[in-house]
Amino acid sequence: MQYLIGYDIADPKRLQRIHRRMTKYATPIQYSIFLFEGSEKLLTQCLTEVMQIFHKKEDDLRIYPLPHNCSQWRLGKASLPQGIIWTALPISLTL
């Protein structure tokens, strides 16, 4: 299953810690937007780690399930360098 995960973290130190945790499980699409591909069990594991750092009263985290085989469009600056094509999960999930 694919999910789009976005967050707004109030504290810069907490933001860095959450970003590091998210990159273990998902692919960064923009600064605070990630594409997660995996099972609900793996998503729960990811969110469990993030929620240990997250402050409910100060921060915002949103998770949107994406339909299977949904179309994707991008306008503007490329998120990956020219010639690089994203085709798989982050390396930490494939080992």
Protein backbone atom coordinates (compact mmCIF):
# COMPACT_ATOMS: atom_id res chain seq x y z
CA MET A 1 0.00 0.00 0.00
CA GLN A 2 1.17 3.54 -0.72
CA TYR A 3 0.74 6.50 1.61
CA LEU A 4 1.63 10.14 1.29
CA ILE A 5 2.91 11.41 4.65
CA GLY A 6 3.43 15.07 5.43
CA TYR A 7 4.32 16.91 8.60
CA ASP A 8 4.86 20.33 10.10
CA ILE A 9 7.16 20.19 13.13
CA ALA A 10 7.52 23.29 15.33
CA ASP A 11 10.99 22.63 16.80
CA PRO A 12 14.02 22.44 14.42
CA LYS A 13 15.80 19.75 16.48
CA ARG A 14 12.66 17.62 16.62
CA LEU A 15 12.18 18.19 12.88
CA GLN A 16 15.66 16.77 12.15
CA ARG A 17 15.04 13.73 14.35
CA ILE A 18 11.68 13.00 12.74
CA HIS A 19 13.12 13.49 9.26
CA ARG A 20 15.87 10.94 10.00
CA ARG A 21 13.29 8.43 11.24
CA MET A 22 11.06 8.95 8.22
CA THR A 23 13.90 8.41 5.74
CA LYS A 24 14.41 4.93 7.24
CA TYR A 25 10.94 3.95 6.05
CA ALA A 26 9.88 6.26 3.22
CA THR A 27 11.20 8.21 0.26
CA PRO A 28 11.39 11.99 0.66
CA ILE A 29 9.47 13.71 -2.14
CA GLN A 30 9.84 17.26 -0.80
CA TYR A 31 11.20 18.71 2.45
CA SER A 32 8.39 17.41 4.68
CA ILE A 33 6.53 15.11 2.29
CA PHE A 34 7.28 11.39 2.02
CA LEU A 35 6.05 8.49 -0.09
CA PHE A 36 5.67 5.35 2.00
CA GLU A 37 5.30 1.97 0.28
CA GLY A 38 4.82 -1.07 2.44
CA SER A 39 2.55 -3.03 4.72
CA GLU A 40 0.35 -1.57 7.44
CA LYS A 41 2.60 -3.34 9.96
CA LEU A 42 5.64 -1.45 8.64
CA LEU A 43 3.67 1.82 8.61
CA THR A 44 2.71 1.23 12.25
CA GLN A 45 6.37 0.59 13.10
CA CYS A 46 7.38 3.84 11.36
CA LEU A 47 4.69 5.86 13.12
CA THR A 48 5.53 4.33 16.50
CA GLU A 49 9.09 5.65 16.17
CA VAL A 50 7.93 9.06 14.95
CA MET A 51 5.32 9.46 17.69
CA GLN A 52 8.00 9.02 20.36
CA ILE A 53 9.43 12.37 19.18
CA PHE A 54 6.23 14.07 18.00
CA HIS A 55 4.47 16.70 20.18
CA LYS A 56 0.69 16.54 19.68
CA LYS A 57 0.06 20.10 20.83
CA GLU A 58 2.79 21.70 18.67
CA ASP A 59 3.22 19.50 15.59
CA ASP A 60 1.03 18.28 12.72
CA LEU A 61 1.33 14.93 10.92
CA ARG A 62 -0.97 13.82 8.10
CA ILE A 63 -1.21 10.46 6.33
CA TYR A 64 -3.10 10.02 3.07
CA PRO A 65 -3.62 6.55 1.56
CA LEU A 66 -3.05 6.53 -2.19
CA PRO A 67 -5.18 4.36 -4.48
CA HIS A 68 -3.45 1.44 -6.19
CA ASN A 69 -1.99 2.48 -9.58
CA CYS A 70 -2.88 6.15 -9.10
CA SER A 71 -1.58 8.65 -11.64
CA GLN A 72 1.11 11.11 -10.58
CA TRP A 73 1.89 14.51 -12.08
CA ARG A 74 4.69 16.90 -11.28
CA LEU A 75 5.08 20.52 -12.29
CA GLY A 76 8.18 22.60 -11.79
CA LYS A 77 11.62 21.66 -10.53
CA ALA A 78 12.55 17.97 -10.59
CA SER A 79 12.81 16.28 -7.20
CA LEU A 80 15.60 13.97 -8.43
CA PRO A 81 18.70 14.89 -10.45
CA GLN A 82 18.41 14.52 -14.22
CA GLY A 83 19.04 10.93 -15.30
CA ILE A 84 18.07 9.43 -11.93
CA ILE A 85 14.84 7.42 -11.94
CA TRP A 86 13.19 6.26 -8.72
CA THR A 87 12.18 2.61 -9.11
CA ALA A 88 12.26 0.91 -5.68
CA LEU A 89 11.98 1.18 -1.94
CA PRO A 90 14.64 2.96 0.12
CA ILE A 91 17.74 0.82 0.58
CA SER A 92 17.12 0.41 4.33
CA LEU A 93 13.91 -1.52 3.59
CA THR A 94 15.41 -3.81 0.95
CA LEU A 95 18.33 -5.22 2.93
